[in-house]
Amino acid sequence: MIACMLLSACGTKVESTPESTKPNDDSVTSTQEQQNEPTSTDTSEKQTTDSPSSTDSKSDQASPSNNETSLNEKEGTDNAPGSQAAEVNIEKTYHMNANYYIKPNDKTSESKVVLLTFDDGPKEEKMINGLIDTLDKHNAKAIFFVNGYRVKSHPELLEIIHERGQVIGNHAWDHEDLKKMSTTAAAKQVTDVQKIVKETIGVEPQFFRPPFGSGNDALKTTVKKSGMLYMTWSNGSLDWDKSTKNKPEKVIQNVLDQLNPGSNILMHELPWTVEALDELLTKLEQKGYTFVDPRSIELEAR
């Protein structure tokens, strides 16, 4: 298996180092899975996810201890800020195939669709609202795959995403390679995010994406037991790469170059992605594509 590309960032500097052009996943993936995601894509804060031994406060970044988790469970979620948000029951008319494409369950559902996703948040209110303003303009829903340590630092940002009607996904507690962890440690990275999201908005994520697209059968078993659909992506925007920094036109072109019916598009919470999104969605619509509601996707791949 080709090694994953690694991206490191500090402050506003974005650099990339060689890594795999495919998700580091044990399952067979399609040739469309040509891009990887960064260790971090934040240009407004210090990088904290490259290593567990980050110089930032470990109490803010580390996955909760068993004692802390137990306390959180005892406190319950009845008074979680987002617990009163109405959950819409959407008919499951789509499914994900083995190559992470979104496919209609039958001929009555539109096949020319794309799934929009944004990884590595939540980071900044202005960018989150910018993305969602554009999604609303195009009547589109997306999955915001979040890291647990970010939710712990800024739960109010998670609440914004939820309250504005977008879908929350689980992207592990830290942005580290789960495939390199023990089964127990990797499982904790998954379940701790489920807990903190439930405590914050009153519902658990139903979608999981591993950092770097790197996973194995044990991780997939944990994800399934947690009631989630495991996915990587089939269309990478490369918005995180230094070649695309501050170049929204490249974000757009990268997506269009890989476009196929059912494309599962990987993007991030970045200024140039916020800037690119309206034109990108307009061009997709001009090509006859619509945006699949993540809630209409079955939670079992087939």
Protein backbone atom coordinates (compact mmCIF):
# COMPACT_ATOMS: atom_id res chain seq x y z
CA MET A 1 0.00 0.00 0.00
CA ILE A 2 1.48 3.31 -1.06
CA ALA A 3 2.33 5.51 1.88
CA CYS A 4 -0.01 8.45 2.75
CA MET A 5 0.97 12.03 1.84
CA LEU A 6 1.46 14.18 4.89
CA LEU A 7 0.76 17.88 5.14
CA SER A 8 2.14 19.98 7.97
CA ALA A 9 1.13 23.54 8.72
CA CYS A 10 2.24 26.19 11.19
CA GLY A 11 0.50 29.50 11.44
CA THR A 12 -0.41 30.62 7.95
CA LYS A 13 2.24 28.58 6.19
CA VAL A 14 0.98 25.55 4.28
CA GLU A 15 3.42 22.91 3.09
CA SER A 16 3.00 19.46 1.66
CA THR A 17 5.20 16.39 1.71
CA PRO A 18 4.91 13.32 -0.49
CA GLU A 19 2.08 10.95 0.34
CA SER A 20 -0.21 8.50 -1.30
CA THR A 21 -2.58 9.58 -4.03
CA LYS A 22 -5.17 7.21 -2.64
CA PRO A 23 -6.79 6.74 0.77
CA ASN A 24 -4.73 4.33 2.85
CA ASP A 25 -7.57 1.87 3.17
CA ASP A 26 -7.43 -1.92 3.05
CA SER A 27 -10.51 -2.09 0.83
CA VAL A 28 -10.42 -1.78 -2.96
CA THR A 29 -10.87 1.82 -4.07
CA SER A 30 -11.52 3.38 -7.46
CA THR A 31 -9.04 5.21 -9.63
CA GLN A 32 -10.99 8.37 -8.92
CA GLU A 33 -9.65 8.42 -5.35
CA GLN A 34 -6.64 10.45 -6.34
CA GLN A 35 -6.29 12.99 -3.55
CA ASN A 36 -5.50 12.82 0.14
CA GLU A 37 -6.34 15.20 2.95
CA PRO A 38 -4.11 17.19 5.25
CA THR A 39 -3.00 16.71 8.77
CA SER A 40 -4.39 20.18 9.24
CA THR A 41 -5.79 22.82 6.91
CA ASP A 42 -6.16 25.68 9.36
CA THR A 43 -4.46 28.91 8.36
CA SER A 44 -5.62 30.89 11.37
CA GLU A 45 -4.35 28.82 14.29
CA LYS A 46 -1.30 26.87 15.31
CA GLN A 47 -1.07 23.30 14.02
CA THR A 48 -2.01 20.89 16.80
CA THR A 49 -2.82 17.56 15.19
CA ASP A 50 0.47 16.25 13.80
CA SER A 51 1.45 14.55 17.02
CA PRO A 52 -0.07 13.65 20.37
CA SER A 53 2.87 15.48 21.96
CA SER A 54 1.69 18.84 20.65
CA THR A 55 3.05 21.88 22.47
CA ASP A 56 -0.50 23.14 22.91
CA SER A 57 -2.42 22.30 26.08
CA LYS A 58 -2.94 18.56 26.17
CA SER A 59 -6.03 18.98 28.29
CA ASP A 60 -7.68 20.72 25.34
CA GLN A 61 -6.43 18.34 22.66
CA ALA A 62 -6.32 14.85 24.13
CA SER A 63 -9.12 12.34 23.79
CA PRO A 64 -11.08 12.29 27.07
CA SER A 65 -9.93 9.93 29.80
CA ASN A 66 -12.20 7.11 30.91
CA ASN A 67 -13.09 9.08 34.06
CA GLU A 68 -14.03 12.14 32.02
CA THR A 69 -16.10 10.03 29.64
CA SER A 70 -17.93 8.42 32.53
CA LEU A 71 -18.72 11.83 34.00
CA ASN A 72 -20.04 13.04 30.67
CA GLU A 73 -22.25 9.98 30.36
CA LYS A 74 -23.68 10.59 33.85
CA GLU A 75 -24.47 14.19 32.99
CA GLY A 76 -26.60 13.06 30.05
CA THR A 77 -27.62 15.07 27.02
CA ASP A 78 -31.12 16.30 27.82
CA ASN A 79 -29.87 19.87 28.20
CA ALA A 80 -27.43 19.83 25.28
CA PRO A 81 -27.68 23.12 23.35
CA GLY A 82 -28.81 21.43 20.16
CA SER A 83 -30.96 18.73 21.72
CA GLN A 84 -34.17 20.56 20.84
CA ALA A 85 -33.34 20.80 17.12
CA ALA A 86 -35.92 18.99 15.04
CA GLU A 87 -34.55 15.93 13.24
CA VAL A 88 -36.05 15.43 9.80
CA ASN A 89 -36.85 11.90 8.73
CA ILE A 90 -35.56 11.57 5.16
CA GLU A 91 -36.31 8.53 3.00
CA LYS A 92 -33.21 6.47 2.18
CA THR A 93 -33.12 6.66 -1.61
CA TYR A 94 -29.34 6.39 -2.13
CA HIS A 95 -26.51 4.11 -1.06
CA MET A 96 -22.72 4.20 -1.22
CA ASN A 97 -20.86 1.58 -3.26
CA ALA A 98 -17.52 -0.07 -2.49
CA ASN A 99 -15.64 2.74 -4.22
CA TYR A 100 -17.36 5.46 -2.17
CA TYR A 101 -19.63 6.71 -4.96
CA ILE A 102 -23.22 7.62 -4.16
CA LYS A 103 -25.72 5.61 -6.20
CA PRO A 104 -29.52 5.70 -6.47
CA ASN A 105 -31.40 2.74 -5.04
CA ASP A 106 -33.66 2.57 -8.09
CA LYS A 107 -34.44 4.33 -11.36
CA THR A 108 -36.82 6.77 -9.71
CA SER A 109 -33.92 8.63 -8.02
CA GLU A 110 -31.61 10.97 -9.89
CA SER A 111 -28.23 9.39 -10.66
CA LYS A 112 -26.40 12.59 -11.62
CA VAL A 113 -25.68 13.67 -8.06
CA VAL A 114 -22.67 14.63 -5.97
CA LEU A 115 -22.05 14.43 -2.22
CA LEU A 116 -20.46 17.53 -0.70
CA THR A 117 -18.18 17.09 2.32
CA PHE A 118 -15.89 19.33 4.39
CA ASP A 119 -13.22 17.85 6.70
CA ASP A 120 -11.13 18.88 9.71
CA GLY A 121 -13.44 21.36 11.45
CA PRO A 122 -14.98 23.09 13.14
CA LYS A 123 -12.49 25.96 12.98
CA GLU A 124 -13.83 29.45 12.41
CA GLU A 125 -17.32 30.95 12.55
CA LYS A 126 -16.85 33.24 9.54
CA MET A 127 -15.76 30.41 7.25
CA ILE A 128 -18.44 28.02 8.51
CA ASN A 129 -21.18 30.57 7.91
CA GLY A 130 -19.66 31.42 4.53
CA LEU A 131 -19.82 27.80 3.42
CA ILE A 132 -23.35 27.32 4.74
CA ASP A 133 -24.58 30.58 3.20
CA THR A 134 -23.51 29.22 -0.19
CA LEU A 135 -24.98 25.79 0.50
CA ASP A 136 -28.28 27.46 1.41
CA LYS A 137 -28.18 29.52 -1.79
CA HIS A 138 -27.98 26.29 -3.80
CA ASN A 139 -30.39 24.38 -1.55
CA ALA A 140 -27.60 21.93 -0.75
CA LYS A 141 -26.70 19.83 2.27
CA ALA A 142 -23.18 18.68 3.14
CA ILE A 143 -21.40 16.54 5.71
CA PHE A 144 -19.04 18.46 7.99
CA PHE A 145 -16.58 15.86 9.27
CA VAL A 146 -15.30 17.13 12.63
CA ASN A 147 -12.38 16.30 14.91
CA GLY A 148 -13.19 15.81 18.58
CA TYR A 149 -10.46 18.06 19.94
CA ARG A 150 -11.81 20.93 17.83
CA VAL A 151 -15.34 20.34 19.08
CA LYS A 152 -14.04 20.37 22.65
CA SER A 153 -12.32 23.72 22.03
CA HIS A 154 -15.24 25.33 20.19
CA PRO A 155 -18.54 23.53 20.78
CA GLU A 156 -20.42 26.66 19.69
CA LEU A 157 -19.13 26.17 16.14
CA LEU A 158 -20.56 22.65 16.04
CA GLU A 159 -23.87 24.09 17.19
CA ILE A 160 -23.87 26.56 14.28
CA ILE A 161 -23.43 23.76 11.72
CA HIS A 162 -26.19 21.71 13.32
CA GLU A 163 -28.63 24.55 13.89
CA ARG A 164 -28.23 25.71 10.29
CA GLY A 165 -29.40 22.31 9.08
CA GLN A 166 -26.15 20.75 7.89
CA VAL A 167 -24.97 17.23 8.74
CA ILE A 168 -22.21 16.37 11.23
CA GLY A 169 -19.75 13.56 10.51
CA ASN A 170 -17.13 11.90 12.74
CA HIS A 171 -13.49 12.48 11.69
CA ALA A 172 -11.85 10.94 14.81
CA TRP A 173 -10.73 12.79 17.93
CA ASP A 174 -7.27 13.71 16.61
CA HIS A 175 -6.22 13.98 12.99
CA GLU A 176 -3.85 11.01 13.19
CA ASP A 177 -3.46 7.76 11.27
CA LEU A 178 -5.85 5.35 12.97
CA LYS A 179 -4.42 2.43 11.02
CA LYS A 180 -1.18 2.82 12.95
CA MET A 181 -2.93 2.65 16.34
CA SER A 182 -3.96 -0.34 18.39
CA THR A 183 -7.54 -1.48 17.84
CA THR A 184 -8.49 -0.14 21.29
CA ALA A 185 -6.89 3.27 20.77
CA ALA A 186 -8.43 3.68 17.33
CA ALA A 187 -11.86 2.70 18.65
CA LYS A 188 -11.58 5.33 21.39
CA GLN A 189 -10.79 7.96 18.75
CA VAL A 190 -14.13 7.10 17.15
CA THR A 191 -16.38 6.65 20.17
CA ASP A 192 -15.17 9.75 22.02
CA VAL A 193 -16.26 11.90 19.08
CA GLN A 194 -19.68 10.23 19.12
CA LYS A 195 -20.00 11.13 22.80
CA ILE A 196 -18.91 14.75 22.60
CA VAL A 197 -21.08 15.47 19.56
CA LYS A 198 -24.09 13.88 21.30
CA GLU A 199 -23.43 15.97 24.41
CA THR A 200 -23.14 19.14 22.33
CA ILE A 201 -26.02 18.91 19.86
CA GLY A 202 -28.09 15.99 21.14
CA VAL A 203 -27.51 13.60 18.21
CA GLU A 204 -24.66 11.32 17.15
CA PRO A 205 -22.94 11.40 13.75
CA GLN A 206 -24.07 8.80 11.23
CA PHE A 207 -21.06 9.13 8.91
CA PHE A 208 -17.38 8.45 9.57
CA ARG A 209 -14.30 9.38 7.56
CA PRO A 210 -10.86 8.37 8.86
CA PRO A 211 -8.05 10.93 8.72
CA PHE A 212 -5.99 10.44 5.54
CA GLY A 213 -8.61 7.88 4.42
CA SER A 214 -6.54 5.38 6.40
CA GLY A 215 -8.40 2.46 7.93
CA ASN A 216 -8.67 -1.29 8.31
CA ASP A 217 -11.26 -3.96 9.05
CA ALA A 218 -11.08 -3.49 12.82
CA LEU A 219 -11.79 0.22 12.45
CA LYS A 220 -14.68 -0.48 10.10
CA THR A 221 -16.16 -2.87 12.66
CA THR A 222 -15.99 -0.15 15.34
CA VAL A 223 -17.61 2.35 13.01
CA LYS A 224 -20.41 -0.05 12.13
CA LYS A 225 -21.06 -0.83 15.81
CA SER A 226 -21.34 2.90 16.40
CA GLY A 227 -24.14 3.06 13.82
CA MET A 228 -22.18 4.92 11.16
CA LEU A 229 -21.39 4.56 7.47
CA TYR A 230 -17.64 4.38 6.84
CA MET A 231 -16.38 6.35 3.84
CA THR A 232 -13.35 8.01 2.34
CA TRP A 233 -13.96 9.90 -0.94
CA SER A 234 -13.94 9.54 -4.72
CA ASN A 235 -13.21 13.14 -5.76
CA GLY A 236 -10.54 15.19 -3.99
CA SER A 237 -10.49 18.97 -4.44
CA LEU A 238 -6.83 19.26 -3.35
CA ASP A 239 -7.87 22.47 -1.61
CA TRP A 240 -5.44 21.64 1.19
CA ASP A 241 -2.35 21.36 -1.02
CA LYS A 242 0.14 24.24 -1.34
CA SER A 243 -0.41 24.20 -5.11
CA THR A 244 -4.02 25.26 -4.49
CA LYS A 245 -3.53 27.71 -1.63
CA ASN A 246 -5.29 31.02 -2.35
CA LYS A 247 -6.35 29.69 -5.77
CA PRO A 248 -10.12 29.07 -5.71
CA GLU A 249 -10.09 28.48 -9.47
CA LYS A 250 -7.87 25.44 -8.92
CA VAL A 251 -10.25 24.03 -6.32
CA ILE A 252 -13.02 24.26 -8.90
CA GLN A 253 -10.98 22.75 -11.72
CA ASN A 254 -9.68 19.88 -9.58
CA VAL A 255 -13.25 18.84 -8.77
CA LEU A 256 -14.49 19.21 -12.34
CA ASP A 257 -11.55 17.19 -13.71
CA GLN A 258 -12.65 14.17 -11.63
CA LEU A 259 -16.39 14.65 -11.90
CA ASN A 260 -18.58 11.59 -12.32
CA PRO A 261 -22.17 10.75 -11.32
CA GLY A 262 -22.13 10.01 -7.59
CA SER A 263 -18.85 11.81 -6.88
CA ASN A 264 -18.09 11.99 -3.15
CA ILE A 265 -16.25 15.33 -3.04
CA LEU A 266 -13.61 16.02 -0.39
CA MET A 267 -13.14 19.67 0.62
CA HIS A 268 -12.04 21.57 3.72
CA GLU A 269 -12.87 24.64 5.76
CA LEU A 270 -10.43 27.02 4.04
CA PRO A 271 -10.76 30.63 2.83
CA TRP A 272 -10.16 29.77 -0.82
CA THR A 273 -12.66 26.93 -0.65
CA VAL A 274 -15.25 29.29 0.80
CA GLU A 275 -14.50 31.64 -2.10
CA ALA A 276 -14.67 28.84 -4.67
CA LEU A 277 -17.84 27.14 -3.49
CA ASP A 278 -20.52 29.31 -5.13
CA GLU A 279 -18.93 29.11 -8.58
CA LEU A 280 -18.23 25.40 -8.14
CA LEU A 281 -21.82 24.58 -7.24
CA THR A 282 -23.07 26.78 -10.09
CA LYS A 283 -20.88 24.92 -12.59
CA LEU A 284 -22.04 21.58 -11.23
CA GLU A 285 -25.65 22.65 -11.66
CA GLN A 286 -24.93 23.84 -15.20
CA LYS A 287 -23.64 20.34 -15.95
CA GLY A 288 -26.92 18.88 -14.74
CA TYR A 289 -25.80 17.75 -11.28
CA THR A 290 -27.80 18.01 -8.09
CA PHE A 291 -26.63 17.70 -4.48
CA VAL A 292 -27.59 14.58 -2.61
CA ASP A 293 -28.89 15.08 0.92
CA PRO A 294 -26.59 12.98 3.14
CA ARG A 295 -29.59 11.97 5.23
CA SER A 296 -31.00 10.13 2.20
CA ILE A 297 -27.99 7.76 2.09
CA GLU A 298 -28.28 4.28 3.59
CA LEU A 299 -25.86 3.58 6.43
CA GLU A 300 -24.64 0.33 4.87
CA ALA A 301 -22.47 0.28 1.74
CA ARG A 302 -23.38 -2.11 -1.05
